[in-house]
Amino acid sequence: MRTAARTGLVAVATALVGAVAAAPSDARTAAPSDVRAFASSGATATWTAAPAAGRPYAYLEGPAGSVLQDTLSLTNPGARPLTVRLSGQGAPVSFAARTVTVPARTRADVPFAVTVTADTPPGEHRGTVRASAAGRELRVDLRLRVSGPRLAALTVEDVHVDTATGALRYTLVNRGTTVLAPHLAVRAEGVLGTVLDRPGRPLPLTLKPGQRATRTEAWPDPPALDSVTVRLTATAEGAAPATARAEASFTSGPALAGAAGSLLLVAGGGGYAVRRRGRSRTQRASAGANT
């Protein structure tokens, strides 16, 4: 990795992995003889942009919270000055200068910097440095490797059951250092047994480290009259299963009316049986007395 550091300009940009810190202060211009050699070799006089020292891409490596620096070489083999505009895409990049004028038959070396924020997950990250001039754009591949331990950790929190609709609301939290693609399984147990058993399936989202996502799980046919315990189990590759539960009581009006009617029928039937047994005993007693 090539490092360029000069005091001066401080630029801050925000992109995929966070804010960008100070970039070095100026672009260095190579001696015209460097480019004359290129032009005299018979190559077409077309400007170029590439990482310094002729590398195929810019490679930066360091821990989260560090500032990583490199240099972009702009070569103008033409007979006139060339104004080049620089920008970054997919990764946070700051330049010593966003616009650089390269004299004819000259190479300009432009320092740039990337800052990796403290919450950036370890692993490989990609980006692009773009250079535009004279109606043409060149892209330089930027590869960033963030060192550090990889930890996959997922939790399920704030589970709530809407007894009016049966909807299940919950929050997934990525508490590790890697990006997670969670799966979710749902199970509900009522008084008389299982009333919902939905096996684990992938959710249409990914969670970055520290990210939270509140979601709703539909339950189209919840019980009309029951007391249930709902368990949500979330899983992700490399992470231990996370389970959370919630209690809910379903009591719809028609179900209550039906239950009350059933109780009345049972109570009425029981009373009739008691009265019938009482009359039978009375009749037998009377018959015995008459004999």
Protein backbone atom coordinates (compact mmCIF):
# COMPACT_ATOMS: atom_id res chain seq x y z
CA MET A 1 0.00 0.00 0.00
CA ARG A 2 1.28 3.37 -0.96
CA THR A 3 0.75 6.18 1.57
CA ALA A 4 0.71 9.89 0.81
CA ALA A 5 0.33 12.38 3.65
CA ARG A 6 0.58 16.15 3.46
CA THR A 7 -1.07 18.71 5.74
CA GLY A 8 -3.60 21.15 4.30
CA LEU A 9 -6.98 20.53 2.81
CA VAL A 10 -9.46 18.64 4.99
CA ALA A 11 -12.44 17.16 3.13
CA VAL A 12 -15.28 15.20 4.61
CA ALA A 13 -17.58 12.97 2.55
CA THR A 14 -20.21 10.44 3.56
CA ALA A 15 -20.81 7.13 1.76
CA LEU A 16 -21.04 3.36 2.29
CA VAL A 17 -18.87 2.92 5.36
CA GLY A 18 -19.05 6.36 6.98
CA ALA A 19 -17.55 9.80 7.04
CA VAL A 20 -14.33 10.55 5.21
CA ALA A 21 -11.49 12.25 7.08
CA ALA A 22 -8.76 14.63 6.03
CA ALA A 23 -7.11 14.16 2.67
CA PRO A 24 -3.58 15.34 1.87
CA SER A 25 -3.27 18.87 0.69
CA ASP A 26 -2.08 18.99 -2.93
CA ALA A 27 -1.46 17.12 -6.14
CA ARG A 28 2.10 16.45 -7.24
CA THR A 29 3.02 17.03 -10.87
CA ALA A 30 5.57 14.77 -12.52
CA ALA A 31 8.35 16.05 -14.73
CA PRO A 32 7.28 16.47 -18.38
CA SER A 33 9.97 13.99 -19.40
CA ASP A 34 7.95 11.18 -17.77
CA VAL A 35 5.11 11.69 -20.22
CA ARG A 36 7.27 12.56 -23.23
CA ALA A 37 8.65 9.06 -22.98
CA PHE A 38 5.10 7.73 -23.10
CA ALA A 39 4.16 9.87 -26.12
CA SER A 40 7.34 9.05 -28.02
CA SER A 41 6.62 5.33 -27.64
CA GLY A 42 3.89 5.66 -30.26
CA ALA A 43 0.90 5.33 -27.89
CA THR A 44 -2.30 7.22 -28.64
CA ALA A 45 -2.40 10.58 -26.85
CA THR A 46 -5.32 9.73 -24.52
CA TRP A 47 -5.34 10.73 -20.88
CA THR A 48 -5.30 8.01 -18.25
CA ALA A 49 -6.15 7.55 -14.57
CA ALA A 50 -4.73 4.73 -12.46
CA PRO A 51 -3.36 4.02 -9.00
CA ALA A 52 0.19 5.24 -8.59
CA ALA A 53 3.03 2.85 -9.44
CA GLY A 54 1.05 1.24 -12.24
CA ARG A 55 -1.13 -0.97 -10.03
CA PRO A 56 -4.33 -2.46 -11.54
CA TYR A 57 -6.46 -1.27 -8.59
CA ALA A 58 -6.14 0.60 -5.31
CA TYR A 59 -5.92 -1.68 -2.29
CA LEU A 60 -6.32 -0.31 1.24
CA GLU A 61 -6.27 -2.29 4.47
CA GLY A 62 -6.68 -1.32 8.09
CA PRO A 63 -8.85 -1.60 11.21
CA ALA A 64 -12.13 0.19 11.79
CA GLY A 65 -11.58 3.81 12.81
CA SER A 66 -8.45 4.28 10.72
CA VAL A 67 -7.61 6.68 7.88
CA LEU A 68 -6.27 4.93 4.79
CA GLN A 69 -4.45 6.89 2.09
CA ASP A 70 -3.31 6.30 -1.48
CA THR A 71 -2.45 8.23 -4.66
CA LEU A 72 -4.16 8.48 -8.05
CA SER A 73 -1.97 9.23 -11.10
CA LEU A 74 -3.48 11.33 -13.91
CA THR A 75 -1.48 11.32 -17.15
CA ASN A 76 -2.05 13.88 -19.92
CA PRO A 77 0.02 13.02 -23.03
CA GLY A 78 -1.81 15.63 -25.12
CA ALA A 79 -0.61 19.03 -26.30
CA ARG A 80 -3.08 21.03 -24.17
CA PRO A 81 -3.85 21.22 -20.44
CA LEU A 82 -6.54 18.81 -19.23
CA THR A 83 -9.02 19.48 -16.41
CA VAL A 84 -10.06 16.31 -14.59
CA ARG A 85 -12.91 16.03 -12.07
CA LEU A 86 -12.61 13.38 -9.35
CA SER A 87 -15.27 11.65 -7.28
CA GLY A 88 -15.87 8.44 -5.35
CA GLN A 89 -18.66 5.90 -5.57
CA GLY A 90 -19.58 3.04 -3.24
CA ALA A 91 -16.90 3.99 -0.72
CA PRO A 92 -16.06 7.23 1.11
CA VAL A 93 -13.27 8.99 -0.75
CA SER A 94 -11.83 12.48 -0.26
CA PHE A 95 -9.24 14.02 -2.57
CA ALA A 96 -6.57 16.66 -2.13
CA ALA A 97 -8.46 18.43 -4.92
CA ARG A 98 -11.75 17.51 -6.60
CA THR A 99 -10.74 19.27 -9.80
CA VAL A 100 -7.19 18.97 -11.12
CA THR A 101 -5.71 20.65 -14.21
CA VAL A 102 -2.93 18.55 -15.65
CA PRO A 103 -0.51 20.42 -17.94
CA ALA A 104 0.29 19.08 -21.39
CA ARG A 105 2.60 16.07 -21.49
CA THR A 106 2.55 15.81 -17.71
CA ARG A 107 1.48 13.41 -14.96
CA ALA A 108 -0.24 14.67 -11.81
CA ASP A 109 -0.30 12.54 -8.65
CA VAL A 110 -3.40 13.28 -6.55
CA PRO A 111 -3.50 11.95 -2.96
CA PHE A 112 -6.83 10.68 -1.67
CA ALA A 113 -8.01 9.24 1.64
CA VAL A 114 -10.65 6.87 2.96
CA THR A 115 -11.73 6.84 6.61
CA VAL A 116 -13.22 3.66 8.05
CA THR A 117 -15.67 4.47 10.85
CA ALA A 118 -15.51 2.56 14.15
CA ASP A 119 -18.73 0.62 13.39
CA THR A 120 -17.60 -0.65 9.98
CA PRO A 121 -17.82 -4.47 9.92
CA PRO A 122 -14.67 -6.49 9.23
CA GLY A 123 -14.28 -7.96 5.76
CA GLU A 124 -14.04 -6.90 2.15
CA HIS A 125 -15.60 -3.66 0.85
CA ARG A 126 -15.56 -2.31 -2.69
CA GLY A 127 -15.75 1.13 -4.21
CA THR A 128 -14.74 3.15 -7.26
CA VAL A 129 -12.67 6.25 -7.89
CA ARG A 130 -14.02 8.11 -10.94
CA ALA A 131 -12.14 10.57 -13.11
CA SER A 132 -13.98 12.61 -15.77
CA ALA A 133 -12.51 14.86 -18.46
CA ALA A 134 -13.14 15.81 -22.12
CA GLY A 135 -16.39 13.85 -22.27
CA ARG A 136 -14.76 10.66 -21.01
CA GLU A 137 -14.91 8.90 -17.66
CA LEU A 138 -12.42 6.41 -16.25
CA ARG A 139 -13.08 4.23 -13.22
CA VAL A 140 -10.46 2.86 -10.86
CA ASP A 141 -11.36 -0.12 -8.70
CA LEU A 142 -11.02 0.52 -4.96
CA ARG A 143 -10.73 -2.49 -2.68
CA LEU A 144 -10.91 -2.01 1.06
CA ARG A 145 -10.21 -4.69 3.63
CA VAL A 146 -11.25 -3.94 7.21
CA SER A 147 -9.49 -6.10 9.78
CA GLY A 148 -10.97 -7.28 13.06
CA PRO A 149 -12.91 -10.20 14.58
CA ARG A 150 -16.08 -11.38 12.85
CA LEU A 151 -19.06 -11.91 15.17
CA ALA A 152 -22.58 -12.88 14.12
CA ALA A 153 -25.21 -12.04 16.77
CA LEU A 154 -28.97 -11.51 16.36
CA THR A 155 -31.78 -10.76 18.84
CA VAL A 156 -35.59 -10.57 18.68
CA GLU A 157 -37.15 -7.85 20.81
CA ASP A 158 -40.43 -6.02 21.54
CA VAL A 159 -42.80 -8.82 20.43
CA HIS A 160 -46.45 -7.73 20.49
CA VAL A 161 -49.64 -9.50 19.41
CA ASP A 162 -52.51 -7.39 18.04
CA THR A 163 -55.54 -9.34 19.25
CA ALA A 164 -57.85 -7.41 16.93
CA THR A 165 -56.09 -8.51 13.74
CA GLY A 166 -53.70 -11.22 14.87
CA ALA A 167 -50.70 -9.27 13.52
CA LEU A 168 -47.38 -9.98 15.22
CA ARG A 169 -45.01 -7.02 15.60
CA TYR A 170 -41.37 -7.51 16.52
CA THR A 171 -37.92 -5.97 16.17
CA LEU A 172 -34.76 -7.68 14.90
CA VAL A 173 -31.40 -6.27 16.05
CA ASN A 174 -27.98 -7.08 14.62
CA ARG A 175 -25.67 -7.03 17.62
CA GLY A 176 -22.62 -8.46 15.86
CA THR A 177 -19.99 -7.21 13.42
CA THR A 178 -21.16 -8.92 10.23
CA VAL A 179 -24.06 -8.36 7.85
CA LEU A 180 -26.92 -10.79 8.56
CA ALA A 181 -29.72 -12.25 6.43
CA PRO A 182 -32.26 -13.40 9.04
CA HIS A 183 -34.83 -16.21 8.91
CA LEU A 184 -37.95 -16.28 11.11
CA ALA A 185 -40.09 -19.11 12.53
CA VAL A 186 -43.38 -18.55 14.40
CA ARG A 187 -45.23 -20.89 16.76
CA ALA A 188 -48.28 -20.26 18.97
CA GLU A 189 -49.64 -22.56 21.66
CA GLY A 190 -53.21 -22.26 22.90
CA VAL A 191 -55.13 -23.87 25.76
CA LEU A 192 -55.96 -26.94 23.67
CA GLY A 193 -52.68 -27.17 21.72
CA THR A 194 -50.81 -25.61 18.80
CA VAL A 195 -52.78 -22.95 16.90
CA LEU A 196 -49.95 -21.68 14.65
CA ASP A 197 -46.80 -23.42 13.41
CA ARG A 198 -44.92 -21.51 10.72
CA PRO A 199 -41.46 -22.95 9.94
CA GLY A 200 -38.41 -20.74 9.47
CA ARG A 201 -38.19 -18.86 6.18
CA PRO A 202 -35.89 -16.09 4.88
CA LEU A 203 -36.98 -12.51 5.41
CA PRO A 204 -36.65 -9.92 2.60
CA LEU A 205 -34.00 -7.84 4.36
CA THR A 206 -30.39 -7.73 5.49
CA LEU A 207 -29.14 -6.13 8.69
CA LYS A 208 -25.87 -4.25 8.97
CA PRO A 209 -24.02 -4.27 12.32
CA GLY A 210 -26.01 -2.30 14.88
CA GLN A 211 -29.04 -1.99 12.59
CA ARG A 212 -32.61 -2.53 13.87
CA ALA A 213 -35.65 -3.48 11.81
CA THR A 214 -39.23 -3.47 13.10
CA ARG A 215 -41.51 -5.78 11.13
CA THR A 216 -45.06 -7.16 11.15
CA GLU A 217 -45.94 -10.82 10.65
CA ALA A 218 -49.50 -11.47 9.47
CA TRP A 219 -51.71 -14.06 11.18
CA PRO A 220 -54.86 -14.15 9.02
CA ASP A 221 -56.83 -16.70 11.09
CA PRO A 222 -56.10 -16.22 14.80
CA PRO A 223 -58.32 -18.05 17.30
CA ALA A 224 -61.61 -16.41 18.23
CA LEU A 225 -61.47 -17.46 21.87
CA ASP A 226 -58.20 -18.64 23.36
CA SER A 227 -55.23 -17.72 25.51
CA VAL A 228 -52.01 -18.20 23.53
CA THR A 229 -48.26 -17.97 23.90
CA VAL A 230 -46.50 -16.81 20.72
CA ARG A 231 -42.81 -17.63 20.18
CA LEU A 232 -40.69 -16.02 17.46
CA THR A 233 -37.34 -17.62 16.63
CA ALA A 234 -34.85 -15.74 14.43
CA THR A 235 -31.78 -17.35 12.91
CA ALA A 236 -28.92 -16.21 10.67
CA GLU A 237 -25.78 -17.83 9.36
CA GLY A 238 -23.16 -18.06 12.07
CA ALA A 239 -25.45 -16.67 14.79
CA ALA A 240 -27.10 -18.54 17.65
CA PRO A 241 -30.93 -18.79 17.38
CA ALA A 242 -32.73 -15.94 19.14
CA THR A 243 -36.19 -16.48 20.65
CA ALA A 244 -38.73 -14.09 22.15
CA ARG A 245 -42.30 -14.66 23.33
CA ALA A 246 -45.51 -12.82 24.03
CA GLU A 247 -48.81 -13.72 25.72
CA ALA A 248 -52.20 -12.80 24.29
CA SER A 249 -55.89 -13.53 24.95
CA PHE A 250 -58.37 -13.59 22.06
CA THR A 251 -62.02 -12.87 23.02
CA SER A 252 -64.27 -11.94 20.11
CA GLY A 253 -67.93 -10.94 20.66
CA PRO A 254 -69.54 -13.79 18.67
CA ALA A 255 -67.26 -16.33 20.30
CA LEU A 256 -68.17 -15.07 23.77
CA ALA A 257 -71.86 -15.17 22.91
CA GLY A 258 -71.53 -18.71 21.61
CA ALA A 259 -69.57 -19.78 24.68
CA ALA A 260 -72.15 -18.17 26.97
CA GLY A 261 -74.95 -19.94 25.11
CA SER A 262 -73.17 -23.25 25.42
CA LEU A 263 -72.70 -22.70 29.14
CA LEU A 264 -76.37 -21.86 29.54
CA LEU A 265 -77.36 -24.99 27.66
CA VAL A 266 -75.06 -27.07 29.80
CA ALA A 267 -76.32 -25.42 32.94
CA GLY A 268 -79.94 -25.80 31.83
CA GLY A 269 -79.44 -29.44 30.93
CA GLY A 270 -77.80 -30.09 34.27
CA GLY A 271 -80.66 -28.41 36.13
CA TYR A 272 -83.24 -30.40 34.20
CA ALA A 273 -81.42 -33.64 35.00
CA VAL A 274 -81.27 -32.73 38.69
CA ARG A 275 -84.98 -31.88 38.75
CA ARG A 276 -85.82 -35.10 36.92
CA ARG A 277 -83.81 -37.18 39.35
CA GLY A 278 -85.54 -35.34 42.21
CA ARG A 279 -89.01 -36.13 40.83
CA SER A 280 -88.04 -39.74 40.33
CA ARG A 281 -86.94 -40.07 43.93
CA THR A 282 -90.16 -38.43 45.13
CA GLN A 283 -92.32 -40.76 43.04
CA ARG A 284 -90.47 -43.84 44.30
CA ALA A 285 -90.81 -42.67 47.86
CA SER A 286 -94.56 -42.08 47.41
CA ALA A 287 -95.03 -45.49 45.84
CA GLY A 288 -93.24 -47.16 48.73
CA ALA A 289 -95.38 -45.38 51.28
CA ASN A 290 -98.62 -46.47 49.55
CA THR A 291 -97.61 -50.10 49.60
